[in-house]
Amino acid sequence: MGDEEVLARRFEEHRGQLRAVAYRMLGSLPEAEDAVQETWLKLTRTDPDAVRNLGAWLTTVTGRVCLDLLRARKARREEPMDDTFVPDPVIRPLTRTDPEQEVLQADSVGLALLVVLETLQPDERLAFVLHDLFAVPFDDIAPIVERTPAATRQLAGRARRRVQGATPSADVDLGRQKEVLDAFLAASRGGDFEALVAVLHPDVVLRVDAGALVRDTAASKVVQGAKTVAAQALTFAQYARYARLVLVNGTVGLANAPEGRPLSVMGVTVADGRITHMYILADPERLEHLDLAGVLGD
């Protein structure tokens, strides 16, 4: 086995974590893959014998690559998106029922957290993601953000307070989540307005991202209140019969692909038996990157 093949095999052992880091940093599945690939290229240009801890080295390099991407977004004033932005969801078949096992999945970070991360400054996001989510020491993060370890700790602390203050509480039991989504689907398919209102929290927030091409139209929106959101759900009741339960970022959600054509993916936050937050991605361009047919078995 050649040296390059050995190096590639060692890299593959860490790919899952690197993809998880990049996804949390960028909220975009294609960009996360690009960042991991860039990390691999940087590794091939480095003397591996000089790297004492390959996993730690790869994680920090991936973080640096993602930080550069986030800074470039900010410079172009393309990101963060407005209030309607929904990060790329990770879709899996609804085959596992043990929530503890789902939490162990590298990409099971909730959409609610990703939405909050989008509001952070790039340096804050890096410090929080690497330290709080992947236990990277501040001494290793500091050189990336060009700050002292103490200042880097402050960055992470500031980010942590914003995350804790904005991330909604959620029921992690997949069985209870499924009961709520089943009730939501039944009410939608039956056109039952009162049943829809009953399954929604009075202050439920619906966020719909229809994509950059139609972001200035009514298709992308933020709507609040059970009756208002229920009315919106009934507007699309004709498509509810195509919706299927799936795992969206580790929690029960819905994927909608009538006649095999990806239409939308919805992630939700469930608390106390009702839906408190709904995140719908209906961007045709980004939906093309999701393997909905494979997940739905179509």
Protein backbone atom coordinates (compact mmCIF):
# COMPACT_ATOMS: atom_id res chain seq x y z
CA MET A 1 0.00 0.00 0.00
CA GLY A 2 1.49 3.35 -1.08
CA ASP A 3 1.96 6.35 1.20
CA GLU A 4 -0.84 8.29 -0.52
CA GLU A 5 -3.26 5.39 -0.11
CA VAL A 6 -2.37 5.10 3.56
CA LEU A 7 -2.91 8.84 3.98
CA ALA A 8 -6.25 8.66 2.17
CA ARG A 9 -7.39 5.83 4.40
CA ARG A 10 -6.43 7.76 7.52
CA PHE A 11 -8.27 10.80 6.19
CA GLU A 12 -11.43 8.77 5.54
CA GLU A 13 -11.45 7.72 9.18
CA HIS A 14 -12.06 11.38 10.06
CA ARG A 15 -14.32 12.40 7.17
CA GLY A 16 -17.55 12.02 9.18
CA GLN A 17 -16.44 14.42 11.89
CA LEU A 18 -15.00 16.88 9.38
CA ARG A 19 -18.28 16.91 7.46
CA ALA A 20 -20.16 17.46 10.73
CA VAL A 21 -17.91 20.41 11.62
CA ALA A 22 -18.30 21.95 8.15
CA TYR A 23 -22.08 21.46 8.12
CA ARG A 24 -22.49 23.20 11.47
CA MET A 25 -20.24 26.01 10.30
CA LEU A 26 -21.84 26.54 6.91
CA GLY A 27 -25.41 25.16 7.05
CA SER A 28 -24.94 23.99 3.47
CA LEU A 29 -24.38 20.36 2.48
CA PRO A 30 -22.59 21.06 -0.84
CA GLU A 31 -20.36 23.71 0.76
CA ALA A 32 -19.58 21.34 3.64
CA GLU A 33 -18.42 18.71 1.16
CA ASP A 34 -16.30 21.32 -0.62
CA ALA A 35 -14.71 22.35 2.68
CA VAL A 36 -13.85 18.73 3.52
CA GLN A 37 -12.34 18.27 0.06
CA GLU A 38 -10.26 21.43 0.52
CA THR A 39 -9.02 20.03 3.84
CA TRP A 40 -7.93 16.87 2.04
CA LEU A 41 -6.02 18.93 -0.51
CA LYS A 42 -4.27 20.84 2.26
CA LEU A 43 -3.31 17.53 3.87
CA THR A 44 -1.76 16.26 0.64
CA ARG A 45 0.43 19.38 0.58
CA THR A 46 1.57 18.80 4.16
CA ASP A 47 4.19 16.44 5.59
CA PRO A 48 1.98 13.99 7.53
CA ASP A 49 4.91 12.95 9.70
CA ALA A 50 4.96 16.48 11.11
CA VAL A 51 1.34 16.16 12.27
CA ARG A 52 1.23 14.71 15.78
CA ASN A 53 -2.55 14.46 16.11
CA LEU A 54 -4.14 14.02 12.70
CA GLY A 55 -7.74 14.27 13.90
CA ALA A 56 -7.14 17.54 15.74
CA TRP A 57 -5.15 18.94 12.82
CA LEU A 58 -7.86 18.09 10.31
CA THR A 59 -10.60 19.54 12.53
CA THR A 60 -8.83 22.88 12.94
CA VAL A 61 -7.97 23.07 9.24
CA THR A 62 -11.60 22.41 8.34
CA GLY A 63 -12.63 25.13 10.76
CA ARG A 64 -10.21 27.57 9.12
CA VAL A 65 -11.50 26.71 5.64
CA CYS A 66 -15.09 27.26 6.79
CA LEU A 67 -14.18 30.53 8.51
CA ASP A 68 -12.72 31.83 5.24
CA LEU A 69 -15.94 30.85 3.45
CA LEU A 70 -18.11 32.58 6.04
CA ARG A 71 -16.00 35.74 5.88
CA ALA A 72 -16.26 35.70 2.10
CA ARG A 73 -20.06 35.42 2.39
CA LYS A 74 -20.16 38.41 4.70
CA ALA A 75 -17.92 40.43 2.39
CA ARG A 76 -20.26 39.67 -0.52
CA ARG A 77 -23.24 40.52 1.71
CA GLU A 78 -24.95 37.34 0.60
CA GLU A 79 -25.07 35.74 4.05
CA PRO A 80 -26.46 35.45 6.58
CA MET A 81 -29.81 35.26 4.86
CA ASP A 82 -32.87 37.14 6.01
CA ASP A 83 -35.38 35.73 8.49
CA THR A 84 -36.75 33.25 5.95
CA PHE A 85 -33.47 31.36 5.49
CA VAL A 86 -33.64 27.63 6.26
CA PRO A 87 -30.35 25.67 6.28
CA ASP A 88 -29.96 22.53 4.17
CA PRO A 89 -31.72 19.68 5.99
CA VAL A 90 -30.24 16.20 6.41
CA ILE A 91 -32.91 13.66 5.45
CA ARG A 92 -33.01 10.02 6.51
CA PRO A 93 -35.71 7.34 6.37
CA LEU A 94 -37.83 7.00 9.48
CA THR A 95 -36.40 3.58 10.34
CA ARG A 96 -34.87 4.07 13.79
CA THR A 97 -36.96 4.79 16.86
CA ASP A 98 -34.31 5.19 19.57
CA PRO A 99 -33.71 8.92 20.13
CA GLU A 100 -30.45 8.23 21.98
CA GLN A 101 -29.07 6.54 18.88
CA GLU A 102 -30.19 9.46 16.70
CA VAL A 103 -28.37 11.94 18.91
CA LEU A 104 -25.17 10.03 18.17
CA GLN A 105 -25.49 10.69 14.44
CA ALA A 106 -22.86 13.19 13.34
CA ASP A 107 -25.31 15.26 11.34
CA SER A 108 -28.30 15.17 13.67
CA VAL A 109 -27.87 18.80 14.80
CA GLY A 110 -31.30 20.39 14.75
CA LEU A 111 -32.44 22.96 12.22
CA ALA A 112 -33.35 25.29 15.10
CA LEU A 113 -29.72 25.42 16.23
CA LEU A 114 -28.47 25.91 12.68
CA VAL A 115 -30.87 28.83 12.22
CA VAL A 116 -29.46 30.49 15.34
CA LEU A 117 -25.88 29.82 14.23
CA GLU A 118 -26.64 31.77 11.05
CA THR A 119 -27.10 34.90 13.19
CA LEU A 120 -23.59 34.72 14.67
CA GLN A 121 -20.53 36.50 13.39
CA PRO A 122 -18.08 34.14 11.61
CA ASP A 123 -15.51 34.20 14.43
CA GLU A 124 -18.19 33.63 17.06
CA ARG A 125 -19.60 30.72 15.11
CA LEU A 126 -16.20 29.10 14.75
CA ALA A 127 -15.34 29.46 18.44
CA PHE A 128 -18.70 28.07 19.53
CA VAL A 129 -18.83 25.18 17.03
CA LEU A 130 -15.28 23.99 17.58
CA HIS A 131 -15.24 24.37 21.37
CA ASP A 132 -18.81 23.71 22.51
CA LEU A 133 -19.77 21.12 19.91
CA PHE A 134 -16.43 19.40 19.26
CA ALA A 135 -14.42 20.11 22.44
CA VAL A 136 -11.50 21.76 20.64
CA PRO A 137 -9.36 23.65 23.20
CA PHE A 138 -9.32 27.44 23.01
CA ASP A 139 -5.54 27.32 22.65
CA ASP A 140 -6.06 25.54 19.29
CA ILE A 141 -8.87 27.83 18.14
CA ALA A 142 -7.13 31.10 19.01
CA PRO A 143 -4.62 31.05 16.11
CA ILE A 144 -7.45 30.49 13.61
CA VAL A 145 -9.34 33.63 14.68
CA GLU A 146 -6.10 35.51 15.38
CA ARG A 147 -6.98 36.22 18.99
CA THR A 148 -5.65 35.24 22.39
CA PRO A 149 -7.14 32.16 24.06
CA ALA A 150 -8.86 34.45 26.57
CA ALA A 151 -10.43 36.54 23.81
CA THR A 152 -11.45 33.37 21.98
CA ARG A 153 -13.15 32.13 25.13
CA GLN A 154 -15.12 35.38 25.22
CA LEU A 155 -16.16 34.84 21.59
CA ALA A 156 -17.52 31.41 22.42
CA GLY A 157 -19.23 32.70 25.55
CA ARG A 158 -20.97 35.45 23.63
CA ALA A 159 -22.13 32.96 21.02
CA ARG A 160 -23.26 30.50 23.69
CA ARG A 161 -25.49 33.09 25.35
CA ARG A 162 -27.15 33.90 22.03
CA VAL A 163 -27.66 30.22 21.24
CA GLN A 164 -29.11 29.43 24.65
CA GLY A 165 -31.42 32.43 24.48
CA ALA A 166 -32.74 31.72 20.99
CA THR A 167 -32.83 27.93 20.63
CA PRO A 168 -36.31 26.60 21.53
CA SER A 169 -36.78 23.73 23.96
CA ALA A 170 -37.80 20.47 22.31
CA ASP A 171 -39.15 17.01 23.03
CA VAL A 172 -36.46 14.49 21.97
CA ASP A 173 -38.74 11.44 22.06
CA LEU A 174 -39.20 10.31 18.46
CA GLY A 175 -42.38 8.42 19.31
CA ARG A 176 -44.09 11.54 20.65
CA GLN A 177 -42.79 13.57 17.72
CA LYS A 178 -44.31 11.04 15.33
CA GLU A 179 -47.70 11.22 17.09
CA VAL A 180 -47.75 15.00 16.66
CA LEU A 181 -46.71 14.84 12.97
CA ASP A 182 -49.28 12.09 12.30
CA ALA A 183 -51.96 14.34 13.77
CA PHE A 184 -50.73 17.29 11.71
CA LEU A 185 -50.81 15.23 8.51
CA ALA A 186 -54.27 13.82 9.22
CA ALA A 187 -55.65 17.30 9.86
CA SER A 188 -53.98 18.69 6.72
CA ARG A 189 -55.24 15.88 4.53
CA GLY A 190 -58.74 16.19 5.96
CA GLY A 191 -58.84 19.96 5.67
CA ASP A 192 -59.66 20.13 9.39
CA PHE A 193 -58.78 23.67 10.48
CA GLU A 194 -59.63 23.20 14.17
CA ALA A 195 -57.58 19.99 14.36
CA LEU A 196 -54.62 21.81 12.84
CA VAL A 197 -54.91 24.62 15.35
CA ALA A 198 -55.05 22.07 18.17
CA VAL A 199 -51.73 20.46 17.17
CA LEU A 200 -49.98 23.84 16.88
CA HIS A 201 -48.65 25.92 19.77
CA PRO A 202 -50.57 29.23 20.02
CA ASP A 203 -47.35 31.13 19.21
CA VAL A 204 -46.03 28.68 16.60
CA VAL A 205 -43.56 30.19 14.13
CA LEU A 206 -43.49 29.04 10.49
CA ARG A 207 -40.42 29.86 8.39
CA VAL A 208 -40.60 29.15 4.64
CA ASP A 209 -37.54 29.44 2.39
CA ALA A 210 -38.49 29.24 -1.28
CA GLY A 211 -35.04 30.22 -2.52
CA ALA A 212 -33.11 33.24 -3.71
CA LEU A 213 -35.00 33.49 -7.00
CA VAL A 214 -38.32 34.07 -5.26
CA ARG A 215 -37.11 35.40 -1.90
CA ASP A 216 -38.73 38.78 -2.51
CA THR A 217 -42.13 37.21 -3.21
CA ALA A 218 -44.79 35.93 -0.82
CA ALA A 219 -43.45 32.38 -1.24
CA SER A 220 -40.70 33.01 1.33
CA LYS A 221 -42.16 34.15 4.61
CA VAL A 222 -42.19 34.05 8.38
CA VAL A 223 -45.64 33.52 9.88
CA GLN A 224 -46.61 33.34 13.56
CA GLY A 225 -49.70 32.16 15.41
CA ALA A 226 -51.64 28.89 15.32
CA LYS A 227 -54.60 30.13 13.29
CA THR A 228 -52.43 31.92 10.74
CA VAL A 229 -50.11 28.93 10.32
CA ALA A 230 -53.08 26.53 10.11
CA ALA A 231 -54.56 28.64 7.32
CA GLN A 232 -51.23 28.47 5.48
CA ALA A 233 -51.16 24.68 5.91
CA LEU A 234 -54.64 24.34 4.43
CA THR A 235 -53.52 26.37 1.41
CA PHE A 236 -51.21 23.49 0.50
CA ALA A 237 -53.55 20.71 1.66
CA GLN A 238 -53.69 19.35 -1.90
CA TYR A 239 -50.06 18.28 -1.56
CA ALA A 240 -50.42 16.78 1.93
CA ARG A 241 -51.34 13.38 0.52
CA TYR A 242 -47.84 13.14 -0.98
CA ALA A 243 -46.07 14.02 2.26
CA ARG A 244 -44.14 11.27 4.02
CA LEU A 245 -42.68 11.08 7.52
CA VAL A 246 -38.88 11.13 7.52
CA LEU A 247 -36.08 12.07 9.88
CA VAL A 248 -35.02 15.69 9.35
CA ASN A 249 -31.80 16.40 11.21
CA GLY A 250 -32.52 13.63 13.67
CA THR A 251 -36.12 14.56 14.44
CA VAL A 252 -39.40 13.55 12.79
CA GLY A 253 -40.37 15.77 9.87
CA LEU A 254 -41.97 15.65 6.44
CA ALA A 255 -40.73 15.31 2.88
CA ASN A 256 -43.01 16.15 0.00
CA ALA A 257 -42.24 14.85 -3.49
CA PRO A 258 -45.39 14.50 -5.62
CA GLU A 259 -44.77 12.21 -8.59
CA GLY A 260 -41.11 12.06 -7.59
CA ARG A 261 -40.63 15.81 -7.97
CA PRO A 262 -39.07 17.34 -4.80
CA LEU A 263 -41.42 20.02 -3.54
CA SER A 264 -40.49 20.67 0.08
CA VAL A 265 -38.91 19.36 3.27
CA MET A 266 -40.25 20.38 6.66
CA GLY A 267 -38.45 20.13 9.97
CA VAL A 268 -40.28 20.93 13.19
CA THR A 269 -39.72 21.54 16.87
CA VAL A 270 -42.17 19.71 19.12
CA ALA A 271 -42.66 20.57 22.78
CA ASP A 272 -45.41 19.44 25.17
CA GLY A 273 -47.25 17.63 22.41
CA ARG A 274 -47.54 20.59 20.01
CA ILE A 275 -45.50 22.06 17.18
CA THR A 276 -43.74 25.24 18.25
CA HIS A 277 -41.55 25.88 15.19
CA MET A 278 -41.76 24.80 11.54
CA TYR A 279 -38.90 25.11 9.03
CA ILE A 280 -39.81 24.52 5.39
CA LEU A 281 -37.25 24.39 2.60
CA ALA A 282 -38.98 24.82 -0.76
CA ASP A 283 -36.02 26.11 -2.77
CA PRO A 284 -36.05 24.03 -6.01
CA GLU A 285 -32.34 24.57 -6.59
CA ARG A 286 -31.28 23.35 -3.15
CA LEU A 287 -33.83 20.54 -3.07
CA GLU A 288 -32.10 19.07 -6.11
CA HIS A 289 -29.08 18.30 -3.90
CA LEU A 290 -31.20 16.15 -1.58
CA ASP A 291 -31.76 12.48 -2.36
CA LEU A 292 -35.48 12.52 -1.59
CA ALA A 293 -36.23 9.64 -3.96
CA GLY A 294 -33.68 7.45 -2.20
CA VAL A 295 -35.01 8.38 1.23
CA LEU A 296 -38.66 7.93 0.30
CA GLY A 297 -37.98 4.71 -1.59
CA ASP A 298 -39.56 6.00 -4.80
